[in-house]
């Protein structure tokens, strides 16, 4: 039996504005404000400045651009997150991640490449020698 992992960013901190639950499948492009939780099957593209939660049991094959991604299900694709990516057990990730902050829990399957750049706060600052 899997133990629930505490999220660094509690899902209650964001209003869940939509759900694609278990037993549901969707192919296409998804954009939203707030937090969206996927528990079913999704294929396509996802765009938001906010929070995407891919729950345990979900299967996603997508190109994703988000503020924050919280992953506990299966994800195949590319992820660009402006703020943070959290990958919790029993997640399976295959693809590429670009984010300033990445957390991967013990037991997660991670097959791919991660690229961690400077946060957007640091991008506008110049260093003086």
Protein backbone atom coordinates (compact mmCIF):
# COMPACT_ATOMS: atom_id res chain seq x y z
CA UNK A 1 0.00 0.00 0.00
CA UNK A 2 1.40 3.39 -1.02
CA UNK A 3 1.84 6.05 1.61
CA UNK A 4 0.47 9.48 0.80
CA UNK A 5 3.25 12.00 0.33
CA UNK A 6 2.89 15.48 1.77
CA UNK A 7 2.93 18.13 -0.94
CA UNK A 8 5.29 21.04 -0.53
CA UNK A 9 2.56 23.14 -2.12
CA UNK A 10 -0.76 22.04 -0.63
CA UNK A 11 -3.43 21.55 -3.27
CA UNK A 12 -5.86 23.40 -1.01
CA UNK A 13 -3.79 26.54 -1.52
CA UNK A 14 -5.25 26.81 -5.02
CA UNK A 15 -8.88 26.71 -6.06
CA UNK A 16 -9.40 23.55 -8.12
CA UNK A 17 -11.14 24.87 -11.22
CA UNK A 18 -11.42 21.59 -13.11
CA UNK A 19 -11.10 17.83 -12.92
CA UNK A 20 -10.65 15.06 -15.49
CA UNK A 21 -11.36 12.10 -13.23
CA UNK A 22 -10.78 8.35 -13.42
CA UNK A 23 -12.72 6.69 -16.21
CA UNK A 24 -12.45 9.83 -18.40
CA UNK A 25 -10.29 10.31 -21.50
CA UNK A 26 -9.51 13.53 -23.36
CA UNK A 27 -7.46 14.31 -26.48
CA UNK A 28 -6.71 17.96 -27.29
CA UNK A 29 -5.50 21.23 -25.82
CA UNK A 30 -6.25 22.28 -22.25
CA UNK A 31 -5.76 25.74 -20.76
CA UNK A 32 -7.09 26.93 -17.40
CA UNK A 33 -6.67 29.26 -14.42
CA UNK A 34 -6.36 28.03 -10.85
CA UNK A 35 -5.60 24.35 -10.27
CA UNK A 36 -6.65 21.45 -12.48
CA UNK A 37 -6.48 17.79 -11.43
CA UNK A 38 -6.18 14.91 -13.87
CA UNK A 39 -7.12 11.44 -12.64
CA UNK A 40 -7.97 9.88 -16.02
CA UNK A 41 -6.27 9.75 -19.42
CA UNK A 42 -5.11 12.89 -21.25
CA UNK A 43 -3.26 13.25 -24.57
CA UNK A 44 -2.32 16.60 -26.09
CA UNK A 45 -1.10 19.98 -24.84
CA UNK A 46 -1.61 21.73 -21.49
CA UNK A 47 -0.97 25.44 -20.87
CA UNK A 48 -1.43 27.42 -17.64
CA UNK A 49 0.38 29.88 -15.38
CA UNK A 50 -1.06 27.99 -12.42
CA UNK A 51 -1.04 24.44 -10.95
CA UNK A 52 -1.50 21.11 -12.74
CA UNK A 53 -1.99 18.04 -10.54
CA UNK A 54 -1.62 14.63 -12.19
CA UNK A 55 -2.94 12.17 -9.63
CA UNK A 56 -2.11 8.55 -8.89
CA UNK A 57 -3.65 6.31 -11.55
CA UNK A 58 -3.68 9.04 -14.21
CA UNK A 59 -1.99 8.58 -17.60
CA UNK A 60 -0.84 11.69 -19.48
CA UNK A 61 1.02 11.97 -22.80
CA UNK A 62 1.48 15.67 -23.37
CA UNK A 63 3.48 18.81 -24.02
CA UNK A 64 3.05 20.81 -20.80
CA UNK A 65 3.76 24.46 -19.93
CA UNK A 66 2.69 25.34 -16.38
CA UNK A 67 3.52 27.39 -13.32
CA UNK A 68 3.71 24.32 -11.05
CA UNK A 69 3.34 20.59 -11.75
CA UNK A 70 2.53 18.07 -9.02
CA UNK A 71 2.86 14.52 -10.38
CA UNK A 72 1.85 11.22 -8.76
CA UNK A 73 0.64 9.35 -11.88
CA UNK A 74 2.21 8.49 -15.24
CA UNK A 75 3.50 11.23 -17.53
CA UNK A 76 5.22 10.94 -20.90
CA UNK A 77 6.23 14.15 -22.65
CA UNK A 78 7.91 17.48 -22.15
CA UNK A 79 7.40 19.81 -19.19
CA UNK A 80 8.29 23.49 -18.86
CA UNK A 81 7.42 24.76 -15.38
CA UNK A 82 8.10 28.37 -14.46
CA UNK A 83 8.05 27.76 -10.70
CA UNK A 84 8.33 24.12 -9.61
CA UNK A 85 7.90 20.43 -10.39
CA UNK A 86 7.14 17.90 -7.63
CA UNK A 87 7.23 14.19 -8.49
CA UNK A 88 5.76 11.95 -5.78
CA UNK A 89 5.71 8.16 -5.41
CA UNK A 90 4.35 6.13 -7.27
CA UNK A 91 4.86 8.43 -10.28
CA UNK A 92 6.41 7.31 -13.57
CA UNK A 93 7.95 10.08 -15.67
CA UNK A 94 9.42 9.67 -19.16
CA UNK A 95 10.55 12.81 -20.97
CA UNK A 96 12.17 16.18 -20.43
CA UNK A 97 11.70 18.69 -17.63
CA UNK A 98 12.78 22.33 -17.60
CA UNK A 99 12.19 24.10 -14.26
CA UNK A 100 14.02 26.19 -11.67
CA UNK A 101 12.96 23.83 -8.83
CA UNK A 102 12.62 20.02 -9.02
CA UNK A 103 11.69 17.56 -6.25
CA UNK A 104 11.76 13.81 -6.96
CA UNK A 105 10.70 11.41 -4.19
CA UNK A 106 12.23 7.98 -3.46
CA UNK A 107 10.76 5.17 -5.54
CA UNK A 108 9.76 7.35 -8.50
CA UNK A 109 10.61 6.08 -11.99
CA UNK A 110 12.36 8.96 -13.81
CA UNK A 111 13.57 8.31 -17.35
CA UNK A 112 14.63 11.45 -19.12
CA UNK A 113 16.45 14.73 -18.82
CA UNK A 114 16.02 17.54 -16.33
CA UNK A 115 17.27 21.07 -16.87
CA UNK A 116 17.24 23.50 -13.99
CA UNK A 117 17.86 27.13 -14.86
CA UNK A 118 17.79 30.32 -12.89
CA UNK A 119 14.44 31.45 -11.53
CA UNK A 120 12.66 34.25 -13.35
CA UNK A 121 13.51 36.54 -10.41
CA UNK A 122 17.24 36.17 -11.14
CA UNK A 123 16.99 36.54 -14.93
CA UNK A 124 16.73 40.33 -14.87
CA UNK A 125 19.70 40.87 -12.54
CA UNK A 126 23.21 41.44 -13.77
CA UNK A 127 26.30 40.41 -11.80
CA UNK A 128 28.98 42.98 -11.15
CA UNK A 129 32.59 41.82 -10.98
